[in-house]
Amino acid sequence: MKTRKKLDPTKLRRRRDPPTLEEAVFAAQGLTADWDQQVVIAACLIGVPEEEVRATVLQTRAGARSTTLRSAGSRRTVVVEQRGSRAALQGRPPTER
């Protein structure tokens, strides 16, 4: 049997996939009911001008009366991590559980 090489975590790269336009609009709709704010939020999430997002938001606005259930990003797994600074973590005594 071949032995597996251990991967060096410093050489691994994290993959960053920006959300699709539909996912960004869906997220913006969950944050606010104001259409203009939805355009701004979705444009910021994907990094495109507001004019490109406005048409998609208006299309979803027209279809808002339908009773369709949508699930954004069901094919992707998203992991959100928050990292503290090493200096703050080293100076703190260990907590007991």
PDB file of N, CA and C in Angstrom:
ATOM      1  N   MET A   1       0.825  -1.182   0.000  1.00  0.00           N
ATOM      2  CA  MET A   1       0.000   0.000   0.000  1.00  0.00           C
ATOM      3  C   MET A   1       0.870   1.248   0.000  1.00  0.00           C
ATOM      4  N   LYS A   2       0.402   2.232  -0.723  1.00  0.00           N
ATOM      5  CA  LYS A   2       1.113   3.500  -0.728  1.00  0.00           C
ATOM      6  C   LYS A   2       0.719   4.313   0.502  1.00  0.00           C
ATOM      7  N   THR A   3       1.691   5.019   1.020  1.00  0.00           N
ATOM      8  CA  THR A   3       1.383   5.900   2.143  1.00  0.00           C
ATOM      9  C   THR A   3       0.957   7.254   1.596  1.00  0.00           C
ATOM     10  N   ARG A   4       0.021   7.852   2.281  1.00  0.00           N
ATOM     11  CA  ARG A   4      -0.469   9.154   1.846  1.00  0.00           C
ATOM     12  C   ARG A   4       0.469  10.247   2.348  1.00  0.00           C
ATOM     13  N   LYS A   5       0.660  11.241   1.499  1.00  0.00           N
ATOM     14  CA  LYS A   5       1.442  12.395   1.910  1.00  0.00           C
ATOM     15  C   LYS A   5       0.581  13.272   2.801  1.00  0.00           C
ATOM     16  N   LYS A   6       1.181  13.819   3.807  1.00  0.00           N
ATOM     17  CA  LYS A   6       0.461  14.779   4.646  1.00  0.00           C
ATOM     18  C   LYS A   6       0.510  16.134   3.958  1.00  0.00           C
ATOM     19  N   LEU A   7      -0.642  16.769   3.905  1.00  0.00           N
ATOM     20  CA  LEU A   7      -0.713  18.083   3.279  1.00  0.00           C
ATOM     21  C   LEU A   7      -0.290  19.154   4.263  1.00  0.00           C
ATOM     22  N   ASP A   8       0.498  20.066   3.770  1.00  0.00           N
ATOM     23  CA  ASP A   8       0.921  21.192   4.586  1.00  0.00           C
ATOM     24  C   ASP A   8      -0.182  22.250   4.538  1.00  0.00           C
ATOM     25  N   PRO A   9      -0.817  22.577   5.687  1.00  0.00           N
ATOM     26  CA  PRO A   9      -1.931  23.529   5.667  1.00  0.00           C
ATOM     27  C   PRO A   9      -1.534  24.918   5.186  1.00  0.00           C
ATOM     28  N   THR A  10      -0.268  25.261   5.269  1.00  0.00           N
ATOM     29  CA  THR A  10       0.143  26.588   4.801  1.00  0.00           C
ATOM     30  C   THR A  10       0.142  26.674   3.279  1.00  0.00           C
ATOM     31  N   LYS A  11       0.199  25.537   2.606  1.00  0.00           N
ATOM     32  CA  LYS A  11       0.211  25.538   1.149  1.00  0.00           C
ATOM     33  C   LYS A  11      -1.178  25.382   0.536  1.00  0.00           C
ATOM     34  N   LEU A  12      -2.178  25.139   1.371  1.00  0.00           N
ATOM     35  CA  LEU A  12      -3.538  25.016   0.865  1.00  0.00           C
ATOM     36  C   LEU A  12      -4.112  26.394   0.601  1.00  0.00           C
ATOM     37  N   ARG A  13      -4.921  26.490  -0.450  1.00  0.00           N
ATOM     38  CA  ARG A  13      -5.575  27.749  -0.764  1.00  0.00           C
ATOM     39  C   ARG A  13      -7.069  27.593  -0.550  1.00  0.00           C
ATOM     40  N   ARG A  14      -7.693  28.620  -0.047  1.00  0.00           N
ATOM     41  CA  ARG A  14      -9.140  28.599   0.120  1.00  0.00           C
ATOM     42  C   ARG A  14      -9.781  29.054  -1.172  1.00  0.00           C
ATOM     43  N   ARG A  15     -10.873  28.443  -1.478  1.00  0.00           N
ATOM     44  CA  ARG A  15     -11.598  28.771  -2.693  1.00  0.00           C
ATOM     45  C   ARG A  15     -12.679  29.781  -2.357  1.00  0.00           C
ATOM     46  N   ARG A  16     -12.755  30.838  -3.131  1.00  0.00           N
ATOM     47  CA  ARG A  16     -13.763  31.857  -2.904  1.00  0.00           C
ATOM     48  C   ARG A  16     -14.618  31.983  -4.151  1.00  0.00           C
ATOM     49  N   ASP A  17     -15.862  31.554  -4.038  1.00  0.00           N
ATOM     50  CA  ASP A  17     -16.812  31.676  -5.127  1.00  0.00           C
ATOM     51  C   ASP A  17     -17.820  32.755  -4.765  1.00  0.00           C
ATOM     52  N   PRO A  18     -17.830  33.847  -5.506  1.00  0.00           N
ATOM     53  CA  PRO A  18     -18.836  34.859  -5.212  1.00  0.00           C
ATOM     54  C   PRO A  18     -20.224  34.298  -5.524  1.00  0.00           C
ATOM     55  N   PRO A  19     -21.260  34.799  -4.863  1.00  0.00           N
ATOM     56  CA  PRO A  19     -22.604  34.277  -5.125  1.00  0.00           C
ATOM     57  C   PRO A  19     -23.054  34.621  -6.537  1.00  0.00           C
ATOM     58  N   THR A  20     -23.956  33.809  -7.063  1.00  0.00           N
ATOM     59  CA  THR A  20     -24.525  34.108  -8.364  1.00  0.00           C
ATOM     60  C   THR A  20     -25.488  35.277  -8.209  1.00  0.00           C
ATOM     61  N   LEU A  21     -25.932  35.817  -9.325  1.00  0.00           N
ATOM     62  CA  LEU A  21     -26.852  36.952  -9.296  1.00  0.00           C
ATOM     63  C   LEU A  21     -28.162  36.576  -8.605  1.00  0.00           C
ATOM     64  N   GLU A  22     -28.672  35.384  -8.904  1.00  0.00           N
ATOM     65  CA  GLU A  22     -29.928  34.943  -8.296  1.00  0.00           C
ATOM     66  C   GLU A  22     -29.775  34.752  -6.789  1.00  0.00           C
ATOM     67  N   GLU A  23     -28.646  34.210  -6.354  1.00  0.00           N
ATOM     68  CA  GLU A  23     -28.401  34.017  -4.929  1.00  0.00           C
ATOM     69  C   GLU A  23     -28.289  35.354  -4.202  1.00  0.00           C
ATOM     70  N   ALA A  24     -27.635  36.326  -4.832  1.00  0.00           N
ATOM     71  CA  ALA A  24     -27.487  37.641  -4.215  1.00  0.00           C
ATOM     72  C   ALA A  24     -28.836  38.347  -4.094  1.00  0.00           C
ATOM     73  N   VAL A  25     -29.677  38.233  -5.115  1.00  0.00           N
ATOM     74  CA  VAL A  25     -31.006  38.852  -5.072  1.00  0.00           C
ATOM     75  C   VAL A  25     -31.858  38.169  -4.008  1.00  0.00           C
ATOM     76  N   PHE A  26     -31.769  36.857  -3.923  1.00  0.00           N
ATOM     77  CA  PHE A  26     -32.528  36.116  -2.907  1.00  0.00           C
ATOM     78  C   PHE A  26     -32.108  36.529  -1.504  1.00  0.00           C
ATOM     79  N   ALA A  27     -30.811  36.710  -1.282  1.00  0.00           N
ATOM     80  CA  ALA A  27     -30.317  37.141   0.022  1.00  0.00           C
ATOM     81  C   ALA A  27     -30.774  38.563   0.332  1.00  0.00           C
ATOM     82  N   ALA A  28     -30.742  39.433  -0.669  1.00  0.00           N
ATOM     83  CA  ALA A  28     -31.175  40.820  -0.462  1.00  0.00           C
ATOM     84  C   ALA A  28     -32.666  40.887  -0.137  1.00  0.00           C
ATOM     85  N   GLN A  29     -33.454  40.018  -0.759  1.00  0.00           N
ATOM     86  CA  GLN A  29     -34.885  39.988  -0.474  1.00  0.00           C
ATOM     87  C   GLN A  29     -35.138  39.540   0.959  1.00  0.00           C
ATOM     88  N   GLY A  30     -34.291  38.696   1.487  1.00  0.00           N
ATOM     89  CA  GLY A  30     -34.445  38.259   2.865  1.00  0.00           C
ATOM     90  C   GLY A  30     -34.065  39.330   3.875  1.00  0.00           C
ATOM     91  N   LEU A  31     -33.256  40.305   3.445  1.00  0.00           N
ATOM     92  CA  LEU A  31     -32.811  41.359   4.355  1.00  0.00           C
ATOM     93  C   LEU A  31     -33.746  42.556   4.404  1.00  0.00           C
ATOM     94  N   THR A  32     -34.367  42.898   3.286  1.00  0.00           N
ATOM     95  CA  THR A  32     -35.212  44.082   3.245  1.00  0.00           C
ATOM     96  C   THR A  32     -36.329  43.910   2.224  1.00  0.00           C
ATOM     97  N   ALA A  33     -37.404  44.656   2.423  1.00  0.00           N
ATOM     98  CA  ALA A  33     -38.528  44.625   1.478  1.00  0.00           C
ATOM     99  C   ALA A  33     -38.443  45.763   0.469  1.00  0.00           C
ATOM    100  N   ASP A  34     -37.552  46.723   0.692  1.00  0.00           N
ATOM    101  CA  ASP A  34     -37.404  47.870  -0.206  1.00  0.00           C
ATOM    102  C   ASP A  34     -36.613  47.448  -1.443  1.00  0.00           C
ATOM    103  N   TRP A  35     -37.189  47.674  -2.620  1.00  0.00           N
ATOM    104  CA  TRP A  35     -36.576  47.211  -3.867  1.00  0.00           C
ATOM    105  C   TRP A  35     -35.261  47.919  -4.163  1.00  0.00           C
ATOM    106  N   ASP A  36     -35.202  49.215  -3.888  1.00  0.00           N
ATOM    107  CA  ASP A  36     -33.961  49.946  -4.157  1.00  0.00           C
ATOM    108  C   ASP A  36     -32.815  49.450  -3.269  1.00  0.00           C
ATOM    109  N   GLN A  37     -33.112  49.159  -2.024  1.00  0.00           N
ATOM    110  CA  GLN A  37     -32.084  48.628  -1.132  1.00  0.00           C
ATOM    111  C   GLN A  37     -31.671  47.222  -1.547  1.00  0.00           C
ATOM    112  N   GLN A  38     -32.603  46.442  -2.074  1.00  0.00           N
ATOM    113  CA  GLN A  38     -32.268  45.101  -2.558  1.00  0.00           C
ATOM    114  C   GLN A  38     -31.269  45.181  -3.702  1.00  0.00           C
ATOM    115  N   VAL A  39     -31.453  46.161  -4.578  1.00  0.00           N
ATOM    116  CA  VAL A  39     -30.532  46.339  -5.707  1.00  0.00           C
ATOM    117  C   VAL A  39     -29.135  46.668  -5.188  1.00  0.00           C
ATOM    118  N   VAL A  40     -29.054  47.569  -4.221  1.00  0.00           N
ATOM    119  CA  VAL A  40     -27.757  47.973  -3.674  1.00  0.00           C
ATOM    120  C   VAL A  40     -27.081  46.800  -2.972  1.00  0.00           C
ATOM    121  N   ILE A  41     -27.831  46.068  -2.162  1.00  0.00           N
ATOM    122  CA  ILE A  41     -27.258  44.937  -1.422  1.00  0.00           C
ATOM    123  C   ILE A  41     -26.759  43.859  -2.375  1.00  0.00           C
ATOM    124  N   ALA A  42     -27.582  43.493  -3.356  1.00  0.00           N
ATOM    125  CA  ALA A  42     -27.190  42.443  -4.303  1.00  0.00           C
ATOM    126  C   ALA A  42     -25.979  42.870  -5.125  1.00  0.00           C
ATOM    127  N   ALA A  43     -25.924  44.128  -5.525  1.00  0.00           N
ATOM    128  CA  ALA A  43     -24.780  44.620  -6.301  1.00  0.00           C
ATOM    129  C   ALA A  43     -23.504  44.576  -5.471  1.00  0.00           C
ATOM    130  N   CYS A  44     -23.602  44.900  -4.200  1.00  0.00           N
ATOM    131  CA  CYS A  44     -22.417  44.841  -3.329  1.00  0.00           C
ATOM    132  C   CYS A  44     -21.962  43.405  -3.099  1.00  0.00           C
ATOM    133  N   LEU A  45     -22.911  42.481  -2.989  1.00  0.00           N
ATOM    134  CA  LEU A  45     -22.549  41.090  -2.733  1.00  0.00           C
ATOM    135  C   LEU A  45     -21.768  40.467  -3.879  1.00  0.00           C
ATOM    136  N   ILE A  46     -22.133  40.802  -5.103  1.00  0.00           N
ATOM    137  CA  ILE A  46     -21.451  40.169  -6.234  1.00  0.00           C
ATOM    138  C   ILE A  46     -20.450  41.089  -6.914  1.00  0.00           C
ATOM    139  N   GLY A  47     -20.431  42.381  -6.528  1.00  0.00           N
ATOM    140  CA  GLY A  47     -19.424  43.293  -7.051  1.00  0.00           C
ATOM    141  C   GLY A  47     -19.661  43.744  -8.477  1.00  0.00           C
ATOM    142  N   VAL A  48     -20.903  43.997  -8.833  1.00  0.00           N
ATOM    143  CA  VAL A  48     -21.223  44.510 -10.163  1.00  0.00           C
ATOM    144  C   VAL A  48     -21.996  45.812 -10.009  1.00  0.00           C
ATOM    145  N   PRO A  49     -22.090  46.614 -11.074  1.00  0.00           N
ATOM    146  CA  PRO A  49     -22.863  47.855 -10.992  1.00  0.00           C
ATOM    147  C   PRO A  49     -24.349  47.583 -10.732  1.00  0.00           C
ATOM    148  N   GLU A  50     -24.995  48.546 -10.110  1.00  0.00           N
ATOM    149  CA  GLU A  50     -26.401  48.399  -9.748  1.00  0.00           C
ATOM    150  C   GLU A  50     -27.312  48.245 -10.969  1.00  0.00           C
ATOM    151  N   GLU A  51     -26.935  48.829 -12.095  1.00  0.00           N
ATOM    152  CA  GLU A  51     -27.762  48.750 -13.300  1.00  0.00           C
ATOM    153  C   GLU A  51     -27.928  47.304 -13.777  1.00  0.00           C
ATOM    154  N   GLU A  52     -26.875  46.498 -13.595  1.00  0.00           N
ATOM    155  CA  GLU A  52     -26.947  45.103 -14.026  1.00  0.00           C
ATOM    156  C   GLU A  52     -27.855  44.276 -13.119  1.00  0.00           C
ATOM    157  N   VAL A  53     -27.965  44.668 -11.873  1.00  0.00           N
ATOM    158  CA  VAL A  53     -28.753  43.912 -10.903  1.00  0.00           C
ATOM    159  C   VAL A  53     -30.217  44.334 -10.935  1.00  0.00           C
ATOM    160  N   ARG A  54     -30.474  45.594 -11.274  1.00  0.00           N
ATOM    161  CA  ARG A  54     -31.821  46.152 -11.211  1.00  0.00           C
ATOM    162  C   ARG A  54     -32.827  45.352 -12.050  1.00  0.00           C
ATOM    163  N   ALA A  55     -32.434  44.901 -13.220  1.00  0.00           N
ATOM    164  CA  ALA A  55     -33.351  44.145 -14.079  1.00  0.00           C
ATOM    165  C   ALA A  55     -33.770  42.831 -13.422  1.00  0.00           C
ATOM    166  N   THR A  56     -32.836  42.156 -12.792  1.00  0.00           N
ATOM    167  CA  THR A  56     -33.153  40.880 -12.141  1.00  0.00           C
ATOM    168  C   THR A  56     -34.051  41.096 -10.929  1.00  0.00           C
ATOM    169  N   VAL A  57     -33.798  42.154 -10.167  1.00  0.00           N
ATOM    170  CA  VAL A  57     -34.642  42.450  -9.005  1.00  0.00           C
ATOM    171  C   VAL A  57     -36.060  42.778  -9.461  1.00  0.00           C
ATOM    172  N   LEU A  58     -36.181  43.532 -10.543  1.00  0.00           N
ATOM    173  CA  LEU A  58     -37.515  43.873 -11.050  1.00  0.00           C
ATOM    174  C   LEU A  58     -38.240  42.645 -11.591  1.00  0.00           C
ATOM    175  N   GLN A  59     -37.510  41.709 -12.175  1.00  0.00           N
ATOM    176  CA  GLN A  59     -38.132  40.465 -12.644  1.00  0.00           C
ATOM    177  C   GLN A  59     -38.656  39.642 -11.477  1.00  0.00           C
ATOM    178  N   THR A  60     -37.890  39.575 -10.407  1.00  0.00           N
ATOM    179  CA  THR A  60     -38.355  38.821  -9.240  1.00  0.00           C
ATOM    180  C   THR A  60     -39.500  39.551  -8.553  1.00  0.00           C
ATOM    181  N   ARG A  61     -39.527  40.867  -8.683  1.00  0.00           N
ATOM    182  CA  ARG A  61     -40.633  41.653  -8.125  1.00  0.00           C
ATOM    183  C   ARG A  61     -41.925  41.315  -8.845  1.00  0.00           C
ATOM    184  N   ALA A  62     -41.857  41.152 -10.172  1.00  0.00           N
ATOM    185  CA  ALA A  62     -43.047  40.812 -10.949  1.00  0.00           C
ATOM    186  C   ALA A  62     -43.521  39.401 -10.605  1.00  0.00           C
ATOM    187  N   GLY A  63     -42.602  38.499 -10.304  1.00  0.00           N
ATOM    188  CA  GLY A  63     -42.957  37.124  -9.972  1.00  0.00           C
ATOM    189  C   GLY A  63     -43.207  36.910  -8.500  1.00  0.00           C
ATOM    190  N   ALA A  64     -43.216  37.983  -7.713  1.00  0.00           N
ATOM    191  CA  ALA A  64     -43.385  37.857  -6.266  1.00  0.00           C
ATOM    192  C   ALA A  64     -44.790  37.396  -5.884  1.00  0.00           C
ATOM    193  N   ARG A  65     -45.741  37.551  -6.757  1.00  0.00           N
ATOM    194  CA  ARG A  65     -47.111  37.150  -6.449  1.00  0.00           C
ATOM    195  C   ARG A  65     -47.317  35.648  -6.582  1.00  0.00           C
ATOM    196  N   SER A  66     -46.403  34.980  -7.236  1.00  0.00           N
ATOM    197  CA  SER A  66     -46.540  33.528  -7.381  1.00  0.00           C
ATOM    198  C   SER A  66     -46.181  32.843  -6.062  1.00  0.00           C
ATOM    199  N   THR A  67     -46.607  31.603  -5.915  1.00  0.00           N
ATOM    200  CA  THR A  67     -46.368  30.872  -4.671  1.00  0.00           C
ATOM    201  C   THR A  67     -45.264  29.834  -4.866  1.00  0.00           C
ATOM    202  N   THR A  68     -44.185  30.222  -5.496  1.00  0.00           N
ATOM    203  CA  THR A  68     -43.079  29.311  -5.740  1.00  0.00           C
ATOM    204  C   THR A  68     -42.108  29.376  -4.572  1.00  0.00           C
ATOM    205  N   LEU A  69     -41.668  28.229  -4.120  1.00  0.00           N
ATOM    206  CA  LEU A  69     -40.686  28.156  -3.045  1.00  0.00           C
ATOM    207  C   LEU A  69     -39.314  27.991  -3.676  1.00  0.00           C
ATOM    208  N   ARG A  70     -38.386  28.889  -3.327  1.00  0.00           N
ATOM    209  CA  ARG A  70     -37.046  28.816  -3.893  1.00  0.00           C
ATOM    210  C   ARG A  70     -36.044  28.550  -2.789  1.00  0.00           C
ATOM    211  N   SER A  71     -35.009  27.856  -3.154  1.00  0.00           N
ATOM    212  CA  SER A  71     -33.922  27.603  -2.218  1.00  0.00           C
ATOM    213  C   SER A  71     -32.627  28.023  -2.892  1.00  0.00           C
ATOM    214  N   ALA A  72     -32.041  29.079  -2.422  1.00  0.00           N
ATOM    215  CA  ALA A  72     -30.817  29.585  -3.036  1.00  0.00           C
ATOM    216  C   ALA A  72     -29.614  28.830  -2.489  1.00  0.00           C
ATOM    217  N   GLY A  73     -28.745  28.414  -3.383  1.00  0.00           N
ATOM    218  CA  GLY A  73     -27.493  27.807  -2.975  1.00  0.00           C
ATOM    219  C   GLY A  73     -27.614  26.407  -2.412  1.00  0.00           C
ATOM    220  N   SER A  74     -28.628  25.671  -2.793  1.00  0.00           N
ATOM    221  CA  SER A  74     -28.793  24.339  -2.225  1.00  0.00           C
ATOM    222  C   SER A  74     -27.733  23.368  -2.733  1.00  0.00           C
ATOM    223  N   ARG A  75     -27.081  23.717  -3.812  1.00  0.00           N
ATOM    224  CA  ARG A  75     -26.066  22.812  -4.340  1.00  0.00           C
ATOM    225  C   ARG A  75     -24.678  23.116  -3.792  1.00  0.00           C
ATOM    226  N   ARG A  76     -24.550  24.149  -2.986  1.00  0.00           N
ATOM    227  CA  ARG A  76     -23.257  24.543  -2.441  1.00  0.00           C
ATOM    228  C   ARG A  76     -23.251  24.441  -0.930  1.00  0.00           C
ATOM    229  N   THR A  77     -22.106  24.131  -0.411  1.00  0.00           N
ATOM    230  CA  THR A  77     -21.913  24.164   1.032  1.00  0.00           C
ATOM    231  C   THR A  77     -21.089  25.402   1.345  1.00  0.00           C
ATOM    232  N   VAL A  78     -21.575  26.200   2.261  1.00  0.00           N
ATOM    233  CA  VAL A  78     -20.886  27.429   2.625  1.00  0.00           C
ATOM    234  C   VAL A  78     -20.454  27.327   4.081  1.00  0.00           C
ATOM    235  N   VAL A  79     -19.181  27.531   4.326  1.00  0.00           N
ATOM    236  CA  VAL A  79     -18.646  27.498   5.670  1.00  0.00           C
ATOM    237  C   VAL A  79     -18.155  28.896   6.000  1.00  0.00           C
ATOM    238  N   VAL A  80     -18.653  29.448   7.091  1.00  0.00           N
ATOM    239  CA  VAL A  80     -18.252  30.778   7.522  1.00  0.00           C
ATOM    240  C   VAL A  80     -17.425  30.616   8.788  1.00  0.00           C
ATOM    241  N   GLU A  81     -16.223  31.133   8.755  1.00  0.00           N
ATOM    242  CA  GLU A  81     -15.340  31.037   9.902  1.00  0.00           C
ATOM    243  C   GLU A  81     -14.944  32.427  10.355  1.00  0.00           C
ATOM    244  N   GLN A  82     -14.844  32.578  11.655  1.00  0.00           N
ATOM    245  CA  GLN A  82     -14.355  33.833  12.203  1.00  0.00           C
ATOM    246  C   GLN A  82     -13.065  33.527  12.938  1.00  0.00           C
ATOM    247  N   ARG A  83     -12.025  34.223  12.564  1.00  0.00           N
ATOM    248  CA  ARG A  83     -10.737  33.967  13.166  1.00  0.00           C
ATOM    249  C   ARG A  83     -10.376  35.134  14.073  1.00  0.00           C
ATOM    250  N   GLY A  84      -9.943  34.812  15.267  1.00  0.00           N
ATOM    251  CA  GLY A  84      -9.467  35.838  16.187  1.00  0.00           C
ATOM    252  C   GLY A  84      -7.996  36.079  15.954  1.00  0.00           C
ATOM    253  N   SER A  85      -7.490  37.169  16.463  1.00  0.00           N
ATOM    254  CA  SER A  85      -6.063  37.436  16.300  1.00  0.00           C
ATOM    255  C   SER A  85      -5.282  36.521  17.236  1.00  0.00           C
ATOM    256  N   ARG A  86      -4.105  36.144  16.827  1.00  0.00           N
ATOM    257  CA  ARG A  86      -3.286  35.241  17.639  1.00  0.00           C
ATOM    258  C   ARG A  86      -2.867  35.903  18.936  1.00  0.00           C
ATOM    259  N   ALA A  87      -2.619  37.202  18.906  1.00  0.00           N
ATOM    260  CA  ALA A  87      -2.183  37.904  20.106  1.00  0.00           C
ATOM    261  C   ALA A  87      -3.285  37.868  21.162  1.00  0.00           C
ATOM    262  N   ALA A  88      -4.510  38.021  20.738  1.00  0.00           N
ATOM    263  CA  ALA A  88      -5.621  38.008  21.689  1.00  0.00           C
ATOM    264  C   ALA A  88      -5.837  36.604  22.246  1.00  0.00           C
ATOM    265  N   LEU A  89      -5.615  35.600  21.433  1.00  0.00           N
ATOM    266  CA  LEU A  89      -5.827  34.228  21.880  1.00  0.00           C
ATOM    267  C   LEU A  89      -4.710  33.738  22.792  1.00  0.00           C
ATOM    268  N   GLN A  90      -3.498  34.186  22.585  1.00  0.00           N
ATOM    269  CA  GLN A  90      -2.373  33.718  23.383  1.00  0.00           C
ATOM    270  C   GLN A  90      -2.376  34.318  24.784  1.00  0.00           C
ATOM    271  N   GLY A  91      -2.855  35.543  24.940  1.00  0.00           N
ATOM    272  CA  GLY A  91      -2.841  36.190  26.235  1.00  0.00           C
ATOM    273  C   GLY A  91      -3.983  35.773  27.141  1.00  0.00           C
ATOM    274  N   ARG A  92      -4.952  35.062  26.617  1.00  0.00           N
ATOM    275  CA  ARG A  92      -6.124  34.686  27.383  1.00  0.00           C
ATOM    276  C   ARG A  92      -5.908  33.336  28.059  1.00  0.00           C
ATOM    277  N   PRO A  93      -6.285  33.209  29.334  1.00  0.00           N
ATOM    278  CA  PRO A  93      -6.134  31.914  30.002  1.00  0.00           C
ATOM    279  C   PRO A  93      -7.138  30.924  29.443  1.00  0.00           C
ATOM    280  N   PRO A  94      -6.819  29.624  29.464  1.00  0.00           N
ATOM    281  CA  PRO A  94      -7.755  28.630  28.933  1.00  0.00           C
ATOM    282  C   PRO A  94      -9.023  28.576  29.762  1.00  0.00           C
ATOM    283  N   THR A  95     -10.139  28.385  29.079  1.00  0.00           N
ATOM    284  CA  THR A  95     -11.426  28.320  29.778  1.00  0.00           C
ATOM    285  C   THR A  95     -11.745  26.880  30.116  1.00  0.00           C
ATOM    286  N   GLU A  96     -12.398  26.682  31.235  1.00  0.00           N
ATOM    287  CA  GLU A  96     -12.796  25.341  31.659  1.00  0.00           C
ATOM    288  C   GLU A  96     -14.245  25.115  31.267  1.00  0.00           C
ATOM    289  N   ARG A  97     -14.540  23.933  30.818  1.00  0.00           N
ATOM    290  CA  ARG A  97     -15.901  23.614  30.403  1.00  0.00           C
ATOM    291  C   ARG A  97     -16.546  22.698  31.376  1.00  0.00           C
TER     292      ARG A  97
END
